[in-house]
């Protein structure tokens, strides 16, 4: 069997400082939960994502925002898996972290210390591992398995889970902690703004009046194991395919997205018609939503599609992991979340997002697309 079990989940995002808070907001949404915080006329980056960046791991080290959020979500995932941090020291535990900001100098104090003040505080460097969050956290948790930081644009979080699944099958480790973490940096915001991709209001997936994305920050991690134990959901399939078409846009035929979905479905032993719910990448940009929406209409027909980025913002390297976690919740609690921001269907796409509400969900597909032409897909199934 290709199945790997999800025994624990943890997250921190605009939806809340932990998974129970996020689940409550997903199940009981209000329009004021939609993330809209960018002032297009301002020259300052307005970071108003509200959550508490406090984690239970007792440490005196100073962490970057990316690493701090990752550690918070990891600690929750480990606890959710009915493990302790001491338990991890007695197992061969692997760690995979998908990120974009974590692979840059994401510690502002370190940056100022080095580039402005021209002083060199090695403690800041050691506690940041500014280009390798996995190294930083693996050392803090004293993990003895392999670790990897995945800098694969917006598919990185999904890729971390897919690679973790493969590592378990290969016998490289006993347990995998996999996911993604992202903090918003000035250069990221202004980079997206220079491309004309930032919304002037908020994310409106597949809506005819959509005008761009809203950046988000946060972290999401799962614990993966070969044994089911108490798990209710399993990772049944993962696929990833590149399409060398354009640095920032998918090709009109979405060939790479199709390939990644077909790989994941084949690995899971499922057909497209077997999928109960699809969480689309759905950034709210004109080109991506048009191509992705038309893709779903052509290849998945009546399968319900929804999107969660209006809740969280586009968390880039963390988005695929967070959207996998939302799938676990949808399967465990049998519901479809509301697609906030969707009001008027775009006739050029023809997609009507799924109606929110309680319904039986046994299979779930989430898609991730990244700059450079990378496409990844993860398939989840109920253990029932």
Protein backbone atom coordinates (compact mmCIF):
# COMPACT_ATOMS: atom_id res chain seq x y z
CA UNK A 1 0.00 0.00 0.00
CA UNK A 2 1.14 3.55 -0.75
CA UNK A 3 -0.77 5.04 2.15
CA UNK A 4 0.99 6.99 4.88
CA UNK A 5 -1.01 8.08 7.92
CA UNK A 6 -1.40 11.63 9.25
CA UNK A 7 -1.24 11.16 13.01
CA UNK A 8 -0.94 14.84 13.95
CA UNK A 9 -1.55 18.36 12.62
CA UNK A 10 -0.58 21.83 13.76
CA UNK A 11 -0.97 25.30 12.32
CA UNK A 12 -0.66 29.01 12.97
CA UNK A 13 -2.21 31.46 10.52
CA UNK A 14 -4.71 34.25 10.11
CA UNK A 15 -7.33 31.66 11.09
CA UNK A 16 -5.87 31.30 14.57
CA UNK A 17 -2.91 30.46 16.79
CA UNK A 18 -3.75 26.75 16.80
CA UNK A 19 -5.78 24.19 14.90
CA UNK A 20 -8.95 24.23 17.06
CA UNK A 21 -9.24 28.00 16.52
CA UNK A 22 -8.75 27.57 12.78
CA UNK A 23 -11.29 24.75 12.55
CA UNK A 24 -13.91 26.81 14.38
CA UNK A 25 -13.50 29.68 11.93
CA UNK A 26 -13.55 27.37 8.91
CA UNK A 27 -16.78 25.80 10.09
CA UNK A 28 -18.39 29.05 11.24
CA UNK A 29 -17.12 31.72 8.84
CA UNK A 30 -18.04 35.38 8.83
CA UNK A 31 -17.28 37.85 6.08
CA UNK A 32 -15.04 39.88 8.38
CA UNK A 33 -12.65 36.91 8.54
CA UNK A 34 -11.52 37.55 4.99
CA UNK A 35 -7.92 38.70 4.95
CA UNK A 36 -7.60 42.19 3.45
CA UNK A 37 -4.80 44.31 4.82
CA UNK A 38 -2.84 45.90 2.01
CA UNK A 39 -3.13 49.61 1.32
CA UNK A 40 -2.18 50.07 -2.33
CA UNK A 41 -1.41 53.76 -1.80
CA UNK A 42 1.00 53.15 1.06
CA UNK A 43 4.74 52.74 0.67
CA UNK A 44 4.91 50.77 3.88
CA UNK A 45 4.22 47.07 4.27
CA UNK A 46 1.25 46.74 6.62
CA UNK A 47 1.53 43.46 8.49
CA UNK A 48 -1.74 43.14 10.35
CA UNK A 49 -2.09 39.36 10.35
CA UNK A 50 -3.26 38.80 13.89
CA UNK A 51 -2.06 35.81 15.84
CA UNK A 52 0.07 35.03 18.84
CA UNK A 53 3.56 33.92 17.84
CA UNK A 54 4.14 32.17 21.15
CA UNK A 55 5.03 28.48 21.18
CA UNK A 56 5.35 26.02 24.06
CA UNK A 57 8.94 25.07 23.31
CA UNK A 58 11.02 26.54 26.13
CA UNK A 59 14.13 28.00 24.63
CA UNK A 60 16.20 31.11 25.12
CA UNK A 61 17.26 31.31 21.50
CA UNK A 62 16.07 34.20 19.36
CA UNK A 63 14.29 32.82 16.32
CA UNK A 64 13.34 34.41 13.02
CA UNK A 65 9.59 34.83 12.48
CA UNK A 66 9.61 31.97 9.98
CA UNK A 67 11.33 29.60 12.37
CA UNK A 68 9.21 30.70 15.33
CA UNK A 69 5.96 30.01 13.48
CA UNK A 70 7.29 26.70 12.20
CA UNK A 71 8.25 25.63 15.71
CA UNK A 72 4.83 26.63 17.05
CA UNK A 73 2.99 24.53 14.46
CA UNK A 74 5.40 21.62 14.84
CA UNK A 75 4.89 21.50 18.61
CA UNK A 76 1.12 21.41 18.13
CA UNK A 77 1.41 18.68 15.48
CA UNK A 78 3.63 16.55 17.72
CA UNK A 79 1.18 16.91 20.63
CA UNK A 80 -1.71 16.11 18.28
CA UNK A 81 0.15 12.93 17.30
CA UNK A 82 0.18 11.94 20.99
CA UNK A 83 3.95 12.25 21.10
CA UNK A 84 6.22 14.34 23.28
CA UNK A 85 9.35 16.19 22.29
CA UNK A 86 11.29 13.64 24.33
CA UNK A 87 9.67 10.83 22.32
CA UNK A 88 11.19 12.34 19.18
CA UNK A 89 14.69 11.90 20.60
CA UNK A 90 14.14 8.13 20.81
CA UNK A 91 13.01 7.76 17.20
CA UNK A 92 14.58 8.45 13.83
CA UNK A 93 12.53 11.55 13.04
CA UNK A 94 12.83 13.38 9.72
CA UNK A 95 11.97 17.04 9.23
CA UNK A 96 10.98 18.72 5.95
CA UNK A 97 10.15 22.43 5.79
CA UNK A 98 8.85 24.19 2.71
CA UNK A 99 9.43 27.94 2.61
CA UNK A 100 10.48 30.92 0.51
CA UNK A 101 11.19 33.59 3.13
CA UNK A 102 12.99 31.09 5.35
CA UNK A 103 15.63 30.68 2.67
CA UNK A 104 16.44 34.38 2.66
CA UNK A 105 17.76 36.61 5.40
CA UNK A 106 14.48 36.56 7.32
CA UNK A 107 15.89 37.81 10.62
CA UNK A 108 15.65 41.63 10.50
CA UNK A 109 17.89 42.10 13.53
CA UNK A 110 20.55 39.89 12.01
CA UNK A 111 20.31 41.81 8.75
CA UNK A 112 20.67 45.20 10.47
CA UNK A 113 23.44 43.85 12.66
CA UNK A 114 25.46 42.67 9.69
CA UNK A 115 24.70 45.09 6.89
CA UNK A 116 24.00 48.37 8.69
CA UNK A 117 25.85 48.33 12.00
CA UNK A 118 28.66 46.15 10.63
CA UNK A 119 28.84 44.23 13.87
CA UNK A 120 28.87 40.46 14.00
CA UNK A 121 26.86 38.68 16.67
CA UNK A 122 27.35 34.98 16.02
CA UNK A 123 24.46 34.06 18.32
CA UNK A 124 22.02 35.80 15.95
CA UNK A 125 23.41 33.80 13.05
CA UNK A 126 23.41 30.49 14.90
CA UNK A 127 19.83 30.88 16.09
CA UNK A 128 18.57 31.92 12.67
CA UNK A 129 20.32 29.53 10.26
CA UNK A 130 18.98 32.12 7.86
CA UNK A 131 19.02 29.91 4.79
CA UNK A 132 18.00 26.61 6.41
CA UNK A 133 15.03 26.55 8.82
CA UNK A 134 15.07 22.75 8.90
CA UNK A 135 18.64 22.79 10.23
CA UNK A 136 17.71 25.29 12.93
CA UNK A 137 14.68 23.40 14.19
CA UNK A 138 16.15 19.91 13.81
CA UNK A 139 18.98 21.03 16.07
CA UNK A 140 16.63 22.66 18.59
CA UNK A 141 14.53 19.50 18.82
CA UNK A 142 17.60 17.23 18.74
CA UNK A 143 16.24 15.19 15.83
CA UNK A 144 18.44 12.42 14.47
CA UNK A 145 16.74 11.71 11.16
CA UNK A 146 17.35 13.45 7.83
CA UNK A 147 16.16 17.01 7.33
CA UNK A 148 15.60 19.23 4.31
CA UNK A 149 14.51 22.78 3.60
CA UNK A 150 12.53 22.93 0.35
CA UNK A 151 12.63 26.22 -1.51
CA UNK A 152 10.24 25.36 -4.32
CA UNK A 153 8.07 28.46 -4.49
CA UNK A 154 4.39 27.97 -3.69
CA UNK A 155 4.40 24.17 -3.92
CA UNK A 156 7.07 23.77 -1.22
CA UNK A 157 4.70 22.84 1.62
CA UNK A 158 2.94 20.20 -0.47
CA UNK A 159 6.29 18.92 -1.72
CA UNK A 160 7.51 18.54 1.86
CA UNK A 161 4.60 16.20 2.58
CA UNK A 162 5.09 14.25 -0.65
CA UNK A 163 8.83 13.81 -0.06
CA UNK A 164 8.16 12.83 3.55
CA UNK A 165 5.81 10.13 2.32
CA UNK A 166 8.57 8.79 0.06
CA UNK A 167 11.17 8.87 2.84
CA UNK A 168 8.97 6.69 5.04
CA UNK A 169 8.50 4.16 2.24
CA UNK A 170 12.26 4.14 1.67
CA UNK A 171 12.91 3.40 5.33
CA UNK A 172 14.99 6.53 5.87
CA UNK A 173 13.11 7.36 9.08
CA UNK A 174 10.49 6.19 11.57
CA UNK A 175 8.47 9.40 11.71
CA UNK A 176 8.26 12.46 9.45
CA UNK A 177 7.35 16.01 10.44
CA UNK A 178 6.53 17.83 7.20
CA UNK A 179 4.99 21.13 6.22
CA UNK A 180 5.76 24.75 5.48
CA UNK A 181 6.33 28.12 7.14
CA UNK A 182 6.30 31.64 5.78
CA UNK A 183 6.70 35.17 7.06
CA UNK A 184 6.11 38.25 4.93
CA UNK A 185 9.23 40.20 4.04
CA UNK A 186 9.36 43.60 2.37
CA UNK A 187 11.12 42.26 -0.71
CA UNK A 188 8.43 39.60 -1.17
CA UNK A 189 5.58 42.09 -0.94
CA UNK A 190 7.17 44.60 -3.29
CA UNK A 191 8.14 41.82 -5.67
CA UNK A 192 4.53 40.70 -6.04
CA UNK A 193 3.41 44.32 -6.24
CA UNK A 194 5.86 45.03 -9.06
CA UNK A 195 4.28 42.14 -10.99
CA UNK A 196 0.86 43.73 -10.58
CA UNK A 197 -0.45 40.73 -8.63
CA UNK A 198 -1.45 42.37 -5.33
CA UNK A 199 -5.17 42.89 -4.73
CA UNK A 200 -6.46 46.34 -3.92
CA UNK A 201 -9.09 44.77 -1.70
CA UNK A 202 -9.12 41.06 -0.91
CA UNK A 203 -8.86 37.63 -2.54
CA UNK A 204 -11.84 36.69 -4.72
CA UNK A 205 -11.14 33.19 -6.09
CA UNK A 206 -12.64 32.53 -9.53
CA UNK A 207 -14.82 35.64 -9.19
CA UNK A 208 -15.27 37.82 -12.27
CA UNK A 209 -14.20 40.88 -10.23
CA UNK A 210 -11.02 39.35 -8.81
CA UNK A 211 -8.00 41.64 -8.94
CA UNK A 212 -5.12 39.76 -7.36
CA UNK A 213 -3.79 38.03 -4.30
CA UNK A 214 -3.27 38.96 -0.67
CA UNK A 215 -0.09 37.70 0.96
CA UNK A 216 -0.42 35.78 4.20
CA UNK A 217 1.96 34.29 6.71
CA UNK A 218 1.86 31.29 8.95
CA UNK A 219 2.89 27.66 9.23
CA UNK A 220 1.32 24.25 8.89
CA UNK A 221 2.81 20.84 9.73
CA UNK A 222 1.70 17.23 9.81
CA UNK A 223 3.19 14.17 11.49
CA UNK A 224 3.42 11.22 9.10
CA UNK A 225 3.79 7.58 10.11
CA UNK A 226 3.49 4.12 8.56
CA UNK A 227 1.32 2.86 11.40
CA UNK A 228 -2.26 4.07 11.58
CA UNK A 229 -2.46 4.33 15.39
CA UNK A 230 -5.27 6.87 15.98
CA UNK A 231 -5.13 8.48 12.51
CA UNK A 232 -8.38 9.12 10.67
CA UNK A 233 -6.84 10.40 7.42
CA UNK A 234 -4.01 9.14 5.22
CA UNK A 235 -1.90 10.56 2.41
CA UNK A 236 -2.67 8.29 -0.52
CA UNK A 237 -1.06 10.13 -3.40
CA UNK A 238 1.41 12.83 -4.36
CA UNK A 239 2.42 14.13 -7.76
CA UNK A 240 4.66 16.88 -9.05
CA UNK A 241 5.31 17.99 -12.63
CA UNK A 242 7.00 21.04 -14.14
CA UNK A 243 5.95 22.98 -17.21
CA UNK A 244 8.74 25.17 -18.68
CA UNK A 245 6.34 27.72 -20.09
CA UNK A 246 6.69 31.04 -18.25
CA UNK A 247 8.33 32.25 -15.01
CA UNK A 248 5.04 33.25 -13.34
CA UNK A 249 2.12 31.94 -15.43
CA UNK A 250 0.87 28.40 -16.07
CA UNK A 251 0.39 27.35 -19.71
CA UNK A 252 -3.13 27.75 -21.11
CA UNK A 253 -3.61 23.98 -21.29
CA UNK A 254 -2.48 23.49 -17.66
CA UNK A 255 -0.49 20.46 -18.79
CA UNK A 256 1.73 20.42 -15.73
CA UNK A 257 -1.22 20.71 -13.35
CA UNK A 258 -2.91 17.82 -15.14
CA UNK A 259 0.24 15.73 -14.90
CA UNK A 260 0.66 16.31 -11.17
CA UNK A 261 -3.01 15.45 -10.47
CA UNK A 262 -2.81 12.30 -12.59
CA UNK A 263 0.36 11.19 -10.78
CA UNK A 264 -1.25 11.71 -7.38
CA UNK A 265 -4.47 9.95 -8.40
CA UNK A 266 -2.61 7.02 -9.91
CA UNK A 267 -0.55 6.62 -6.76
CA UNK A 268 -3.76 6.69 -4.73
CA UNK A 269 -5.51 4.20 -7.03
CA UNK A 270 -8.32 6.66 -7.73
CA UNK A 271 -10.04 8.16 -10.75
CA UNK A 272 -10.93 11.84 -11.05
CA UNK A 273 -14.57 11.00 -10.44
CA UNK A 274 -13.64 9.44 -7.09
CA UNK A 275 -12.60 12.80 -5.60
CA UNK A 276 -15.19 14.23 -3.20
CA UNK A 277 -13.63 17.68 -2.72
CA UNK A 278 -10.93 19.82 -4.35
CA UNK A 279 -9.10 22.69 -2.68
CA UNK A 280 -7.83 24.80 -5.55
CA UNK A 281 -4.64 26.86 -5.53
CA UNK A 282 -6.92 29.80 -6.43
CA UNK A 283 -4.80 32.86 -5.65
CA UNK A 284 -7.35 35.33 -7.02
CA UNK A 285 -5.10 36.50 -9.86
CA UNK A 286 -6.58 36.95 -13.32
CA UNK A 287 -4.42 34.44 -15.19
CA UNK A 288 -3.99 31.69 -12.60
CA UNK A 289 -7.66 31.47 -11.66
CA UNK A 290 -8.77 31.48 -15.29
CA UNK A 291 -6.45 28.64 -16.29
CA UNK A 292 -6.96 26.61 -13.12
CA UNK A 293 -10.74 27.10 -13.17
CA UNK A 294 -11.01 26.05 -16.80
CA UNK A 295 -8.81 23.06 -16.00
CA UNK A 296 -11.18 21.87 -13.26
CA UNK A 297 -14.21 22.37 -15.48
CA UNK A 298 -12.62 20.31 -18.25
CA UNK A 299 -11.04 17.50 -16.26
CA UNK A 300 -13.05 17.19 -13.04
CA UNK A 301 -16.53 18.10 -14.22
CA UNK A 302 -18.94 17.95 -11.31
CA UNK A 303 -16.41 17.48 -8.50
CA UNK A 304 -16.87 20.32 -5.98
CA UNK A 305 -14.10 22.94 -5.86
CA UNK A 306 -13.47 25.47 -3.10
CA UNK A 307 -10.63 27.77 -1.98
CA UNK A 308 -9.25 28.80 1.41
CA UNK A 309 -6.75 31.56 0.60
CA UNK A 310 -9.33 34.27 1.41
CA UNK A 311 -9.08 33.02 5.01
CA UNK A 312 -5.29 32.81 5.24
CA UNK A 313 -3.89 34.91 2.43
CA UNK A 314 -1.41 33.29 0.07
CA UNK A 315 1.14 31.78 2.44
CA UNK A 316 3.45 30.81 -0.43
CA UNK A 317 5.72 27.98 0.79
CA UNK A 318 3.31 27.15 3.63
CA UNK A 319 0.13 27.17 1.55
CA UNK A 320 0.26 23.57 0.28
CA UNK A 321 0.80 22.26 3.80
CA UNK A 322 -1.98 24.39 5.30
CA UNK A 323 -4.36 23.32 2.56
CA UNK A 324 -3.50 19.68 3.24
CA UNK A 325 -4.39 20.27 6.89
CA UNK A 326 -7.72 21.80 5.87
CA UNK A 327 -8.34 18.58 3.96
CA UNK A 328 -7.76 16.53 7.08
CA UNK A 329 -10.34 18.66 8.86
CA UNK A 330 -12.86 18.39 6.01
CA UNK A 331 -12.59 14.59 6.04
CA UNK A 332 -12.63 14.21 9.82
CA UNK A 333 -15.54 16.61 10.34
CA UNK A 334 -17.39 16.05 7.04
CA UNK A 335 -17.87 19.60 5.82
CA UNK A 336 -17.05 21.95 2.96
CA UNK A 337 -15.81 25.41 4.02
CA UNK A 338 -17.17 28.54 2.45
CA UNK A 339 -15.13 30.18 -0.32
CA UNK A 340 -15.04 33.72 1.05
CA UNK A 341 -14.90 36.47 -1.56
CA UNK A 342 -16.64 34.52 -4.31
CA UNK A 343 -19.78 36.39 -5.38
CA UNK A 344 -20.13 36.42 -9.17
CA UNK A 345 -19.03 33.59 -11.42
CA UNK A 346 -16.66 34.48 -14.27
CA UNK A 347 -18.40 33.39 -17.47
CA UNK A 348 -15.01 32.85 -19.12
CA UNK A 349 -14.28 30.19 -16.48
CA UNK A 350 -17.78 28.85 -15.87
CA UNK A 351 -16.93 27.53 -12.42
CA UNK A 352 -19.34 27.72 -9.51
CA UNK A 353 -17.52 27.08 -6.24
CA UNK A 354 -18.80 24.37 -3.93
CA UNK A 355 -21.69 25.13 -1.62
CA UNK A 356 -20.52 25.27 1.98
CA UNK A 357 -22.09 22.89 4.45
CA UNK A 358 -22.01 19.47 6.05
CA UNK A 359 -21.50 16.54 3.70
CA UNK A 360 -19.63 13.25 3.68
CA UNK A 361 -16.01 13.70 2.51
CA UNK A 362 -13.88 10.58 1.96
CA UNK A 363 -11.39 11.79 -0.64
CA UNK A 364 -9.72 15.17 -1.05
CA UNK A 365 -7.37 16.70 -3.61
CA UNK A 366 -5.36 19.87 -3.10
CA UNK A 367 -3.39 21.56 -5.87
CA UNK A 368 -0.41 23.92 -5.66
CA UNK A 369 1.21 25.92 -8.46
CA UNK A 370 4.47 27.81 -8.14
CA UNK A 371 6.60 30.33 -9.99
CA UNK A 372 9.00 28.65 -12.37
CA UNK A 373 6.35 26.22 -13.62
CA UNK A 374 6.11 23.74 -10.75
CA UNK A 375 2.82 21.95 -10.06
CA UNK A 376 2.12 19.62 -7.14
CA UNK A 377 -0.93 17.71 -5.92
CA UNK A 378 -1.73 15.77 -2.76
CA UNK A 379 -4.56 13.25 -2.37
CA UNK A 380 -6.00 12.42 1.05
CA UNK A 381 -8.37 9.60 1.97
CA UNK A 382 -10.41 8.71 5.00
CA UNK A 383 -9.18 5.71 6.97
CA UNK A 384 -12.78 4.55 7.46
